Full PDB file with SEQRES, HELIX, SHEET, SSBOND, CRYST1, ORIGX, SCALE, CONECT and MASTER records, all heavy atoms in Angstrom:
SEQRES   1 A   33  TYR LEU HIS ALA VAL ASP GLY ARG ASP ARG GLU ILE ALA          
SEQRES   2 A   33  LYS ALA LEU TRP GLU LEU ALA ALA HIS GLY ASP VAL ALA          
SEQRES   3 A   33  ARG LEU PRO ARG HIS ILE THR                                  
HELIX    1 AA1 ARG A    8  HIS A   22  1                                  15    
HELIX    2 AA2 VAL A   25  ARG A   27  5                                   3    
CRYST1    1.000    1.000    1.000  90.00  90.00  90.00 P 1           1          
ORIGX1      1.000000  0.000000  0.000000        0.00000                         
ORIGX2      0.000000  1.000000  0.000000        0.00000                         
ORIGX3      0.000000  0.000000  1.000000        0.00000                         
SCALE1      1.000000  0.000000  0.000000        0.00000                         
SCALE2      0.000000  1.000000  0.000000        0.00000                         
SCALE3      0.000000  0.000000  1.000000        0.00000                         
ATOM      1  N   TYR A   1       4.620 -78.960  19.726  1.00  0.00           N  
ATOM      2  CA  TYR A   1       4.881 -77.557  19.451  1.00  0.00           C  
ATOM      3  C   TYR A   1       5.904 -77.341  18.349  1.00  0.00           C  
ATOM      4  O   TYR A   1       6.246 -76.212  18.042  1.00  0.00           O  
ATOM      5  CB  TYR A   1       5.353 -76.849  20.727  1.00  0.00           C  
ATOM      6  CG  TYR A   1       4.236 -76.713  21.717  1.00  0.00           C  
ATOM      7  CD1 TYR A   1       3.995 -77.703  22.657  1.00  0.00           C  
ATOM      8  CD2 TYR A   1       3.404 -75.611  21.684  1.00  0.00           C  
ATOM      9  CE1 TYR A   1       2.951 -77.589  23.550  1.00  0.00           C  
ATOM     10  CE2 TYR A   1       2.356 -75.490  22.570  1.00  0.00           C  
ATOM     11  CZ  TYR A   1       2.145 -76.478  23.503  1.00  0.00           C  
ATOM     12  OH  TYR A   1       1.105 -76.364  24.380  1.00  0.00           O  
ATOM     13  N   LEU A   2       6.414 -78.405  17.777  1.00  0.00           N  
ATOM     14  CA  LEU A   2       7.419 -78.281  16.728  1.00  0.00           C  
ATOM     15  C   LEU A   2       6.756 -78.407  15.362  1.00  0.00           C  
ATOM     16  O   LEU A   2       5.942 -79.290  15.140  1.00  0.00           O  
ATOM     17  CB  LEU A   2       8.497 -79.360  16.897  1.00  0.00           C  
ATOM     18  CG  LEU A   2       9.235 -79.298  18.226  1.00  0.00           C  
ATOM     19  CD1 LEU A   2      10.233 -80.443  18.308  1.00  0.00           C  
ATOM     20  CD2 LEU A   2       9.934 -77.970  18.396  1.00  0.00           C  
ATOM     21  N   HIS A   3       7.129 -77.549  14.462  1.00  0.00           N  
ATOM     22  CA  HIS A   3       6.536 -77.525  13.127  1.00  0.00           C  
ATOM     23  C   HIS A   3       7.620 -77.337  12.080  1.00  0.00           C  
ATOM     24  O   HIS A   3       8.629 -76.674  12.323  1.00  0.00           O  
ATOM     25  CB  HIS A   3       5.522 -76.371  13.017  1.00  0.00           C  
ATOM     26  CG  HIS A   3       4.466 -76.437  14.059  1.00  0.00           C  
ATOM     27  ND1 HIS A   3       3.376 -77.264  13.951  1.00  0.00           N  
ATOM     28  CD2 HIS A   3       4.352 -75.826  15.259  1.00  0.00           C  
ATOM     29  CE1 HIS A   3       2.624 -77.136  15.026  1.00  0.00           C  
ATOM     30  NE2 HIS A   3       3.194 -76.265  15.835  1.00  0.00           N  
ATOM     31  N   ALA A   4       7.388 -77.917  10.929  1.00  0.00           N  
ATOM     32  CA  ALA A   4       8.317 -77.714   9.815  1.00  0.00           C  
ATOM     33  C   ALA A   4       8.200 -76.267   9.340  1.00  0.00           C  
ATOM     34  O   ALA A   4       7.132 -75.673   9.363  1.00  0.00           O  
ATOM     35  CB  ALA A   4       7.986 -78.664   8.677  1.00  0.00           C  
ATOM     36  N   VAL A   5       9.309 -75.718   8.918  1.00  0.00           N  
ATOM     37  CA  VAL A   5       9.353 -74.335   8.458  1.00  0.00           C  
ATOM     38  C   VAL A   5       9.783 -74.334   6.993  1.00  0.00           C  
ATOM     39  O   VAL A   5      10.743 -75.004   6.625  1.00  0.00           O  
ATOM     40  CB  VAL A   5      10.345 -73.508   9.309  1.00  0.00           C  
ATOM     41  CG1 VAL A   5      10.475 -72.100   8.775  1.00  0.00           C  
ATOM     42  CG2 VAL A   5       9.914 -73.508  10.762  1.00  0.00           C  
ATOM     43  N   ASP A   6       9.059 -73.590   6.165  1.00  0.00           N  
ATOM     44  CA  ASP A   6       9.417 -73.489   4.748  1.00  0.00           C  
ATOM     45  C   ASP A   6      10.868 -73.055   4.605  1.00  0.00           C  
ATOM     46  O   ASP A   6      11.326 -72.146   5.288  1.00  0.00           O  
ATOM     47  CB  ASP A   6       8.522 -72.478   4.030  1.00  0.00           C  
ATOM     48  CG  ASP A   6       7.101 -72.980   3.865  1.00  0.00           C  
ATOM     49  OD1 ASP A   6       6.885 -74.202   3.954  1.00  0.00           O  
ATOM     50  OD2 ASP A   6       6.215 -72.136   3.642  1.00  0.00           O  
ATOM     51  N   GLY A   7      11.588 -73.713   3.721  1.00  0.00           N  
ATOM     52  CA  GLY A   7      12.962 -73.346   3.444  1.00  0.00           C  
ATOM     53  C   GLY A   7      13.984 -74.097   4.281  1.00  0.00           C  
ATOM     54  O   GLY A   7      15.167 -74.098   3.967  1.00  0.00           O  
ATOM     55  N   ARG A   8      13.551 -74.721   5.364  1.00  0.00           N  
ATOM     56  CA  ARG A   8      14.504 -75.433   6.227  1.00  0.00           C  
ATOM     57  C   ARG A   8      15.121 -76.622   5.509  1.00  0.00           C  
ATOM     58  O   ARG A   8      16.272 -76.963   5.749  1.00  0.00           O  
ATOM     59  CB  ARG A   8      13.822 -75.919   7.510  1.00  0.00           C  
ATOM     60  CG  ARG A   8      13.621 -74.847   8.525  1.00  0.00           C  
ATOM     61  CD  ARG A   8      14.906 -74.369   9.154  1.00  0.00           C  
ATOM     62  NE  ARG A   8      15.468 -75.421  10.001  1.00  0.00           N  
ATOM     63  CZ  ARG A   8      16.730 -75.484  10.346  1.00  0.00           C  
ATOM     64  NH1 ARG A   8      17.584 -74.577   9.938  1.00  0.00           N  
ATOM     65  NH2 ARG A   8      17.191 -76.447  11.103  1.00  0.00           N  
ATOM     66  N   ASP A   9      14.375 -77.273   4.618  1.00  0.00           N  
ATOM     67  CA  ASP A   9      14.925 -78.431   3.912  1.00  0.00           C  
ATOM     68  C   ASP A   9      16.166 -78.030   3.128  1.00  0.00           C  
ATOM     69  O   ASP A   9      17.169 -78.737   3.128  1.00  0.00           O  
ATOM     70  CB  ASP A   9      13.863 -79.047   2.995  1.00  0.00           C  
ATOM     71  CG  ASP A   9      14.321 -80.366   2.422  1.00  0.00           C  
ATOM     72  OD1 ASP A   9      14.866 -81.195   3.181  1.00  0.00           O  
ATOM     73  OD2 ASP A   9      14.140 -80.568   1.208  1.00  0.00           O  
ATOM     74  N   ARG A  10      16.124 -76.862   2.482  1.00  0.00           N  
ATOM     75  CA  ARG A  10      17.295 -76.374   1.741  1.00  0.00           C  
ATOM     76  C   ARG A  10      18.455 -76.077   2.688  1.00  0.00           C  
ATOM     77  O   ARG A  10      19.606 -76.369   2.391  1.00  0.00           O  
ATOM     78  CB  ARG A  10      16.931 -75.126   0.933  1.00  0.00           C  
ATOM     79  CG  ARG A  10      16.100 -75.440  -0.320  1.00  0.00           C  
ATOM     80  CD  ARG A  10      15.877 -74.188  -1.164  1.00  0.00           C  
ATOM     81  NE  ARG A  10      15.089 -73.180  -0.476  1.00  0.00           N  
ATOM     82  CZ  ARG A  10      13.752 -73.182  -0.403  1.00  0.00           C  
ATOM     83  NH1 ARG A  10      13.067 -74.147  -0.990  1.00  0.00           N  
ATOM     84  NH2 ARG A  10      13.118 -72.232   0.233  1.00  0.00           N  
ATOM     85  N   GLU A  11      18.151 -75.489   3.841  1.00  0.00           N  
ATOM     86  CA  GLU A  11      19.196 -75.204   4.821  1.00  0.00           C  
ATOM     87  C   GLU A  11      19.833 -76.492   5.329  1.00  0.00           C  
ATOM     88  O   GLU A  11      21.054 -76.559   5.513  1.00  0.00           O  
ATOM     89  CB  GLU A  11      18.616 -74.413   5.994  1.00  0.00           C  
ATOM     90  CG  GLU A  11      18.208 -73.000   5.642  1.00  0.00           C  
ATOM     91  CD  GLU A  11      17.548 -72.297   6.812  1.00  0.00           C  
ATOM     92  OE1 GLU A  11      17.819 -72.665   7.978  1.00  0.00           O  
ATOM     93  OE2 GLU A  11      16.759 -71.375   6.565  1.00  0.00           O  
ATOM     94  N   ILE A  12      19.014 -77.506   5.563  1.00  0.00           N  
ATOM     95  CA  ILE A  12      19.525 -78.793   6.036  1.00  0.00           C  
ATOM     96  C   ILE A  12      20.408 -79.425   4.971  1.00  0.00           C  
ATOM     97  O   ILE A  12      21.502 -79.928   5.268  1.00  0.00           O  
ATOM     98  CB  ILE A  12      18.361 -79.723   6.435  1.00  0.00           C  
ATOM     99  CG1 ILE A  12      17.648 -79.164   7.676  1.00  0.00           C  
ATOM    100  CG2 ILE A  12      18.852 -81.151   6.689  1.00  0.00           C  
ATOM    101  CD1 ILE A  12      16.309 -79.804   7.964  1.00  0.00           C  
ATOM    102  N   ALA A  13      19.966 -79.385   3.717  1.00  0.00           N  
ATOM    103  CA  ALA A  13      20.764 -79.948   2.627  1.00  0.00           C  
ATOM    104  C   ALA A  13      22.103 -79.226   2.510  1.00  0.00           C  
ATOM    105  O   ALA A  13      23.145 -79.862   2.319  1.00  0.00           O  
ATOM    106  CB  ALA A  13      19.993 -79.858   1.305  1.00  0.00           C  
ATOM    107  N   LYS A  14      22.097 -77.907   2.642  1.00  0.00           N  
ATOM    108  CA  LYS A  14      23.350 -77.140   2.577  1.00  0.00           C  
ATOM    109  C   LYS A  14      24.279 -77.525   3.725  1.00  0.00           C  
ATOM    110  O   LYS A  14      25.484 -77.701   3.539  1.00  0.00           O  
ATOM    111  CB  LYS A  14      23.056 -75.645   2.612  1.00  0.00           C  
ATOM    112  CG  LYS A  14      24.307 -74.803   2.509  1.00  0.00           C  
ATOM    113  CD  LYS A  14      23.989 -73.323   2.544  1.00  0.00           C  
ATOM    114  CE  LYS A  14      25.292 -72.536   2.503  1.00  0.00           C  
ATOM    115  NZ  LYS A  14      25.120 -71.145   2.826  1.00  0.00           N  
ATOM    116  N   ALA A  15      23.715 -77.672   4.930  1.00  0.00           N  
ATOM    117  CA  ALA A  15      24.530 -78.050   6.088  1.00  0.00           C  
ATOM    118  C   ALA A  15      25.116 -79.444   5.901  1.00  0.00           C  
ATOM    119  O   ALA A  15      26.274 -79.691   6.252  1.00  0.00           O  
ATOM    120  CB  ALA A  15      23.691 -77.988   7.364  1.00  0.00           C  
ATOM    121  N   LEU A  16      24.352 -80.366   5.298  1.00  0.00           N  
ATOM    122  CA  LEU A  16      24.866 -81.713   5.015  1.00  0.00           C  
ATOM    123  C   LEU A  16      25.995 -81.651   3.996  1.00  0.00           C  
ATOM    124  O   LEU A  16      26.999 -82.359   4.113  1.00  0.00           O  
ATOM    125  CB  LEU A  16      23.738 -82.629   4.525  1.00  0.00           C  
ATOM    126  CG  LEU A  16      22.719 -83.034   5.584  1.00  0.00           C  
ATOM    127  CD1 LEU A  16      21.531 -83.710   4.928  1.00  0.00           C  
ATOM    128  CD2 LEU A  16      23.357 -83.925   6.635  1.00  0.00           C  
ATOM    129  N   TRP A  17      25.831 -80.795   2.977  1.00  0.00           N  
ATOM    130  CA  TRP A  17      26.884 -80.621   1.979  1.00  0.00           C  
ATOM    131  C   TRP A  17      28.161 -80.096   2.639  1.00  0.00           C  
ATOM    132  O   TRP A  17      29.251 -80.574   2.378  1.00  0.00           O  
ATOM    133  CB  TRP A  17      26.413 -79.664   0.880  1.00  0.00           C  
ATOM    134  CG  TRP A  17      27.525 -79.291  -0.050  1.00  0.00           C  
ATOM    135  CD1 TRP A  17      28.025 -80.033  -1.090  1.00  0.00           C  
ATOM    136  CD2 TRP A  17      28.316 -78.096   0.001  1.00  0.00           C  
ATOM    137  NE1 TRP A  17      29.067 -79.363  -1.686  1.00  0.00           N  
ATOM    138  CE2 TRP A  17      29.270 -78.173  -1.032  1.00  0.00           C  
ATOM    139  CE3 TRP A  17      28.305 -76.979   0.819  1.00  0.00           C  
ATOM    140  CZ2 TRP A  17      30.187 -77.171  -1.277  1.00  0.00           C  
ATOM    141  CZ3 TRP A  17      29.223 -75.977   0.588  1.00  0.00           C  
ATOM    142  CH2 TRP A  17      30.162 -76.084  -0.460  1.00  0.00           C  
ATOM    143  N   GLU A  18      28.022 -79.076   3.514  1.00  0.00           N  
ATOM    144  CA  GLU A  18      29.186 -78.513   4.191  1.00  0.00           C  
ATOM    145  C   GLU A  18      29.869 -79.555   5.075  1.00  0.00           C  
ATOM    146  O   GLU A  18      31.092 -79.640   5.123  1.00  0.00           O  
ATOM    147  CB  GLU A  18      28.779 -77.292   5.016  1.00  0.00           C  
ATOM    148  CG  GLU A  18      28.427 -76.101   4.154  1.00  0.00           C  
ATOM    149  CD  GLU A  18      27.870 -74.938   4.961  1.00  0.00           C  
ATOM    150  OE1 GLU A  18      27.774 -75.040   6.207  1.00  0.00           O  
ATOM    151  OE2 GLU A  18      27.524 -73.922   4.339  1.00  0.00           O  
ATOM    152  N   LEU A  19      29.076 -80.367   5.731  1.00  0.00           N  
ATOM    153  CA  LEU A  19      29.630 -81.427   6.569  1.00  0.00           C  
ATOM    154  C   LEU A  19      30.412 -82.425   5.720  1.00  0.00           C  
ATOM    155  O   LEU A  19      31.531 -82.803   6.061  1.00  0.00           O  
ATOM    156  CB  LEU A  19      28.498 -82.136   7.322  1.00  0.00           C  
ATOM    157  CG  LEU A  19      28.893 -83.210   8.312  1.00  0.00           C  
ATOM    158  CD1 LEU A  19      29.722 -82.628   9.442  1.00  0.00           C  
ATOM    159  CD2 LEU A  19      27.642 -83.872   8.871  1.00  0.00           C  
ATOM    160  N   ALA A  20      29.833 -82.813   4.597  1.00  0.00           N  
ATOM    161  CA  ALA A  20      30.507 -83.766   3.704  1.00  0.00           C  
ATOM    162  C   ALA A  20      31.749 -83.150   3.077  1.00  0.00           C  
ATOM    163  O   ALA A  20      32.787 -83.795   2.963  1.00  0.00           O  
ATOM    164  CB  ALA A  20      29.546 -84.236   2.617  1.00  0.00           C  
ATOM    165  N   ALA A  21      31.666 -81.892   2.669  1.00  0.00           N  
ATOM    166  CA  ALA A  21      32.779 -81.234   1.994  1.00  0.00           C  
ATOM    167  C   ALA A  21      33.977 -81.039   2.919  1.00  0.00           C  
ATOM    168  O   ALA A  21      35.115 -81.106   2.479  1.00  0.00           O  
ATOM    169  CB  ALA A  21      32.325 -79.881   1.438  1.00  0.00           C  
ATOM    170  N   HIS A  22      33.711 -80.789   4.164  1.00  0.00           N  
ATOM    171  CA  HIS A  22      34.800 -80.490   5.093  1.00  0.00           C  
ATOM    172  C   HIS A  22      35.178 -81.676   5.962  1.00  0.00           C  
ATOM    173  O   HIS A  22      36.169 -81.602   6.690  1.00  0.00           O  
ATOM    174  CB  HIS A  22      34.433 -79.291   5.964  1.00  0.00           C  
ATOM    175  CG  HIS A  22      34.164 -78.063   5.148  1.00  0.00           C  
ATOM    176  ND1 HIS A  22      35.149 -77.400   4.442  1.00  0.00           N  
ATOM    177  CD2 HIS A  22      33.018 -77.408   4.896  1.00  0.00           C  
ATOM    178  CE1 HIS A  22      34.607 -76.379   3.809  1.00  0.00           C  
ATOM    179  NE2 HIS A  22      33.322 -76.363   4.059  1.00  0.00           N  
ATOM    180  N   GLY A  23      34.394 -82.745   5.910  1.00  0.00           N  
ATOM    181  CA  GLY A  23      34.710 -83.946   6.678  1.00  0.00           C  
ATOM    182  C   GLY A  23      34.878 -83.689   8.161  1.00  0.00           C  
ATOM    183  O   GLY A  23      35.756 -84.251   8.797  1.00  0.00           O  
ATOM    184  N   ASP A  24      34.064 -82.835   8.714  1.00  0.00           N  
ATOM    185  CA  ASP A  24      34.171 -82.462  10.115  1.00  0.00           C  
ATOM    186  C   ASP A  24      33.516 -83.527  10.987  1.00  0.00           C  
ATOM    187  O   ASP A  24      32.358 -83.431  11.362  1.00  0.00           O  
ATOM    188  CB  ASP A  24      33.508 -81.095  10.336  1.00  0.00           C  
ATOM    189  CG  ASP A  24      33.770 -80.542  11.725  1.00  0.00           C  
ATOM    190  OD1 ASP A  24      34.353 -81.263  12.561  1.00  0.00           O  
ATOM    191  OD2 ASP A  24      33.387 -79.382  11.964  1.00  0.00           O  
ATOM    192  N   VAL A  25      34.285 -84.540  11.334  1.00  0.00           N  
ATOM    193  CA  VAL A  25      33.774 -85.672  12.097  1.00  0.00           C  
ATOM    194  C   VAL A  25      33.265 -85.239  13.469  1.00  0.00           C  
ATOM    195  O   VAL A  25      32.330 -85.819  14.000  1.00  0.00           O  
ATOM    196  CB  VAL A  25      34.880 -86.758  12.248  1.00  0.00           C  
ATOM    197  CG1 VAL A  25      34.403 -87.904  13.097  1.00  0.00           C  
ATOM    198  CG2 VAL A  25      35.301 -87.247  10.874  1.00  0.00           C  
ATOM    199  N   ALA A  26      33.838 -84.196  14.026  1.00  0.00           N  
ATOM    200  CA  ALA A  26      33.431 -83.749  15.354  1.00  0.00           C  
ATOM    201  C   ALA A  26      31.970 -83.300  15.378  1.00  0.00           C  
ATOM    202  O   ALA A  26      31.334 -83.312  16.425  1.00  0.00           O  
ATOM    203  CB  ALA A  26      34.335 -82.609  15.817  1.00  0.00           C  
ATOM    204  N   ARG A  27      31.433 -82.915  14.227  1.00  0.00           N  
ATOM    205  CA  ARG A  27      30.052 -82.448  14.178  1.00  0.00           C  
ATOM    206  C   ARG A  27      29.065 -83.585  13.947  1.00  0.00           C  
ATOM    207  O   ARG A  27      27.860 -83.359  13.967  1.00  0.00           O  
ATOM    208  CB  ARG A  27      29.900 -81.404  13.080  1.00  0.00           C  
ATOM    209  CG  ARG A  27      30.637 -80.120  13.427  1.00  0.00           C  
ATOM    210  CD  ARG A  27      30.594 -79.105  12.329  1.00  0.00           C  
ATOM    211  NE  ARG A  27      29.253 -78.832  11.866  1.00  0.00           N  
ATOM    212  CZ  ARG A  27      28.972 -78.239  10.707  1.00  0.00           C  
ATOM    213  NH1 ARG A  27      29.946 -77.869   9.915  1.00  0.00           N  
ATOM    214  NH2 ARG A  27      27.734 -78.026  10.345  1.00  0.00           N  
ATOM    215  N   LEU A  28      29.540 -84.798  13.738  1.00  0.00           N  
ATOM    216  CA  LEU A  28      28.650 -85.929  13.534  1.00  0.00           C  
ATOM    217  C   LEU A  28      28.177 -86.488  14.873  1.00  0.00           C  
ATOM    218  O   LEU A  28      28.866 -86.368  15.879  1.00  0.00           O  
ATOM    219  CB  LEU A  28      29.370 -87.037  12.757  1.00  0.00           C  
ATOM    220  CG  LEU A  28      29.711 -86.727  11.304  1.00  0.00           C  
ATOM    221  CD1 LEU A  28      30.572 -87.845  10.729  1.00  0.00           C  
ATOM    222  CD2 LEU A  28      28.453 -86.551  10.482  1.00  0.00           C  
ATOM    223  N   PRO A  29      27.003 -87.125  14.896  1.00  0.00           N  
ATOM    224  CA  PRO A  29      26.551 -87.771  16.130  1.00  0.00           C  
ATOM    225  C   PRO A  29      27.578 -88.819  16.582  1.00  0.00           C  
ATOM    226  O   PRO A  29      28.273 -89.414  15.760  1.00  0.00           O  
ATOM    227  CB  PRO A  29      25.243 -88.446  15.716  1.00  0.00           C  
ATOM    228  CG  PRO A  29      24.783 -87.689  14.518  1.00  0.00           C  
ATOM    229  CD  PRO A  29      26.037 -87.238  13.821  1.00  0.00           C  
ATOM    230  N   ARG A  30      27.665 -89.049  17.869  1.00  0.00           N  
ATOM    231  CA  ARG A  30      28.673 -89.948  18.427  1.00  0.00           C  
ATOM    232  C   ARG A  30      28.571 -91.381  17.917  1.00  0.00           C  
ATOM    233  O   ARG A  30      29.551 -92.092  17.887  1.00  0.00           O  
ATOM    234  CB  ARG A  30      28.563 -89.960  19.949  1.00  0.00           C  
ATOM    235  CG  ARG A  30      28.997 -88.657  20.542  1.00  0.00           C  
ATOM    236  CD  ARG A  30      28.955 -88.721  22.043  1.00  0.00           C  
ATOM    237  NE  ARG A  30      29.143 -87.374  22.554  1.00  0.00           N  
ATOM    238  CZ  ARG A  30      28.690 -86.968  23.702  1.00  0.00           C  
ATOM    239  NH1 ARG A  30      28.065 -87.769  24.484  1.00  0.00           N  
ATOM    240  NH2 ARG A  30      28.885 -85.721  24.077  1.00  0.00           N  
ATOM    241  N   HIS A  31      27.369 -91.819  17.556  1.00  0.00           N  
ATOM    242  CA  HIS A  31      27.209 -93.215  17.152  1.00  0.00           C  
ATOM    243  C   HIS A  31      27.640 -93.475  15.711  1.00  0.00           C  
ATOM    244  O   HIS A  31      27.630 -94.598  15.261  1.00  0.00           O  
ATOM    245  CB  HIS A  31      25.770 -93.692  17.388  1.00  0.00           C  
ATOM    246  CG  HIS A  31      24.774 -92.979  16.527  1.00  0.00           C  
ATOM    247  ND1 HIS A  31      24.242 -91.772  16.889  1.00  0.00           N  
ATOM    248  CD2 HIS A  31      24.228 -93.304  15.338  1.00  0.00           C  
ATOM    249  CE1 HIS A  31      23.403 -91.383  15.940  1.00  0.00           C  
ATOM    250  NE2 HIS A  31      23.371 -92.276  15.007  1.00  0.00           N  
ATOM    251  N   ILE A  32      28.054 -92.441  14.974  1.00  0.00           N  
ATOM    252  CA  ILE A  32      28.520 -92.619  13.604  1.00  0.00           C  
ATOM    253  C   ILE A  32      30.050 -92.648  13.617  1.00  0.00           C  
ATOM    254  O   ILE A  32      30.692 -91.780  14.193  1.00  0.00           O  
ATOM    255  CB  ILE A  32      28.040 -91.471  12.685  1.00  0.00           C  
ATOM    256  CG1 ILE A  32      26.520 -91.520  12.576  1.00  0.00           C  
ATOM    257  CG2 ILE A  32      28.692 -91.558  11.317  1.00  0.00           C  
ATOM    258  CD1 ILE A  32      25.925 -90.388  11.767  1.00  0.00           C  
ATOM    259  N   THR A  33      30.611 -93.641  12.980  1.00  0.00           N  
ATOM    260  CA  THR A  33      32.075 -93.752  12.906  1.00  0.00           C  
ATOM    261  C   THR A  33      32.491 -93.535  11.468  1.00  0.00           C  
ATOM    262  O   THR A  33      31.965 -94.175  10.548  1.00  0.00           O  
ATOM    263  CB  THR A  33      32.550 -95.140  13.374  1.00  0.00           C  
ATOM    264  OG1 THR A  33      32.030 -95.361  14.684  1.00  0.00           O  
ATOM    265  CG2 THR A  33      34.049 -95.213  13.393  1.00  0.00           C  
TER     266      THR A  33                                                      
MASTER        0    0    0    2    0    0    0    6  265    1    0    3          
END                                                                             
């Protein structure tokens, strides 16, 4: 029932940029150090 949605790739890239820019380790999965 899950489908890709147009435009989500850009949203994901932006969220990754924000994560990298702010270094918010708490938002990373637990298995990443």
